[in-house]
């Protein structure tokens, strides 16, 4: 039994395993923030996607937009914050999507 637990501990202490875990947590928080932002009217990349892939259904644009914002937000969050803990990973995902939402809404309110 000790051999199995030692193997699990080595696996969990591996830098690559930790990085993957932090990335998945950042992806989760970016996705969650995106869900909350959609409720407030955040459109993300939807206008660009409609130009890039014209004539698709609203469901298609919604899904591709969600994936685009969540994945790009998690990647950018990992680059900017380089999280080395679970809390920093959550903040990395939340803050990118939140900042993007704020910038996009500010431009709309100012008529830009």
Protein backbone atom coordinates (compact mmCIF):
# COMPACT_ATOMS: atom_id res chain seq x y z
CA UNK A 1 0.00 0.00 0.00
CA UNK A 2 2.85 2.41 0.76
CA UNK A 3 4.24 1.89 -2.75
CA UNK A 4 0.96 2.93 -4.34
CA UNK A 5 0.66 6.03 -2.15
CA UNK A 6 4.28 6.97 -2.89
CA UNK A 7 3.57 6.66 -6.61
CA UNK A 8 0.49 8.84 -6.31
CA UNK A 9 2.45 11.43 -4.33
CA UNK A 10 5.23 11.46 -6.95
CA UNK A 11 2.63 11.87 -9.69
CA UNK A 12 0.92 14.76 -7.89
CA UNK A 13 4.25 16.44 -7.12
CA UNK A 14 5.37 16.28 -10.74
CA UNK A 15 5.70 19.82 -12.21
CA UNK A 16 3.87 18.88 -15.40
CA UNK A 17 0.97 17.35 -13.46
CA UNK A 18 0.75 20.49 -11.33
CA UNK A 19 0.80 22.73 -14.40
CA UNK A 20 -1.99 20.71 -16.04
CA UNK A 21 -4.02 20.90 -12.84
CA UNK A 22 -3.52 24.65 -12.61
CA UNK A 23 -4.47 25.05 -16.27
CA UNK A 24 -7.65 23.02 -15.83
CA UNK A 25 -8.57 25.10 -12.79
CA UNK A 26 -7.92 28.30 -14.76
CA UNK A 27 -10.04 26.95 -17.62
CA UNK A 28 -12.81 26.15 -15.16
CA UNK A 29 -12.78 29.65 -13.65
CA UNK A 30 -12.65 31.33 -17.08
CA UNK A 31 -15.63 29.21 -18.15
CA UNK A 32 -17.53 30.04 -14.98
CA UNK A 33 -16.86 33.76 -15.34
CA UNK A 34 -17.94 33.55 -18.97
CA UNK A 35 -21.25 31.99 -17.89
CA UNK A 36 -21.85 34.81 -15.40
CA UNK A 37 -20.84 37.41 -18.00
CA UNK A 38 -23.23 35.98 -20.59
CA UNK A 39 -26.03 36.55 -18.10
CA UNK A 40 -25.07 40.26 -18.04
CA UNK A 41 -25.10 40.54 -21.85
CA UNK A 42 -21.42 39.89 -22.64
CA UNK A 43 -21.10 38.98 -26.34
CA UNK A 44 -17.39 38.10 -26.45
CA UNK A 45 -16.26 37.26 -29.98
CA UNK A 46 -19.76 36.73 -31.33
CA UNK A 47 -19.70 39.58 -33.89
CA UNK A 48 -16.33 38.44 -35.23
CA UNK A 49 -17.56 34.84 -35.45
CA UNK A 50 -20.65 35.90 -37.40
CA UNK A 51 -18.38 37.63 -39.92
CA UNK A 52 -15.90 34.74 -40.00
CA UNK A 53 -18.58 32.02 -40.39
CA UNK A 54 -21.65 33.72 -41.88
CA UNK A 55 -25.04 32.05 -42.11
CA UNK A 56 -24.77 29.71 -39.11
CA UNK A 57 -27.33 29.24 -36.35
CA UNK A 58 -27.35 31.32 -33.17
CA UNK A 59 -26.63 28.13 -31.24
CA UNK A 60 -23.42 27.62 -33.28
CA UNK A 61 -22.21 31.15 -32.54
CA UNK A 62 -23.05 30.82 -28.86
CA UNK A 63 -21.10 27.57 -28.50
CA UNK A 64 -18.05 28.67 -30.50
CA UNK A 65 -17.99 31.98 -28.63
CA UNK A 66 -18.13 30.21 -25.27
CA UNK A 67 -15.27 27.88 -26.20
CA UNK A 68 -13.21 30.73 -27.69
CA UNK A 69 -13.54 33.01 -24.66
CA UNK A 70 -12.97 30.24 -22.10
CA UNK A 71 -9.95 28.67 -23.82
CA UNK A 72 -8.30 31.96 -24.80
CA UNK A 73 -9.02 33.37 -21.35
CA UNK A 74 -7.43 30.40 -19.63
CA UNK A 75 -4.35 30.50 -21.86
CA UNK A 76 -3.89 34.24 -21.41
CA UNK A 77 -4.52 33.89 -17.66
CA UNK A 78 -1.82 31.21 -17.45
CA UNK A 79 0.64 33.43 -19.35
CA UNK A 80 -0.04 36.64 -17.41
CA UNK A 81 -0.35 35.17 -13.92
CA UNK A 82 1.80 32.00 -14.14
CA UNK A 83 -0.22 30.51 -11.27
CA UNK A 84 1.56 28.24 -8.83
CA UNK A 85 -1.41 27.56 -6.58
CA UNK A 86 -5.09 26.76 -6.91
CA UNK A 87 -6.16 30.20 -5.74
CA UNK A 88 -3.96 31.96 -8.30
CA UNK A 89 -5.35 29.68 -11.00
CA UNK A 90 -8.91 30.67 -10.10
CA UNK A 91 -8.00 34.35 -10.12
CA UNK A 92 -6.23 34.00 -13.47
CA UNK A 93 -9.36 32.66 -15.15
CA UNK A 94 -11.81 34.99 -13.42
CA UNK A 95 -9.82 38.15 -14.00
CA UNK A 96 -9.18 37.69 -17.73
CA UNK A 97 -12.83 37.19 -18.65
CA UNK A 98 -13.90 39.89 -16.18
CA UNK A 99 -11.41 42.37 -17.62
CA UNK A 100 -12.49 41.56 -21.17
CA UNK A 101 -16.13 42.00 -20.22
CA UNK A 102 -15.39 45.37 -18.61
CA UNK A 103 -13.42 46.61 -21.61
CA UNK A 104 -16.07 45.48 -24.11
CA UNK A 105 -18.93 47.06 -22.13
CA UNK A 106 -17.01 50.30 -21.63
CA UNK A 107 -16.52 50.63 -25.40
CA UNK A 108 -20.23 50.04 -26.02
CA UNK A 109 -21.28 52.63 -23.41
CA UNK A 110 -18.90 55.23 -24.83
CA UNK A 111 -20.18 54.58 -28.35
CA UNK A 112 -16.93 53.09 -29.65
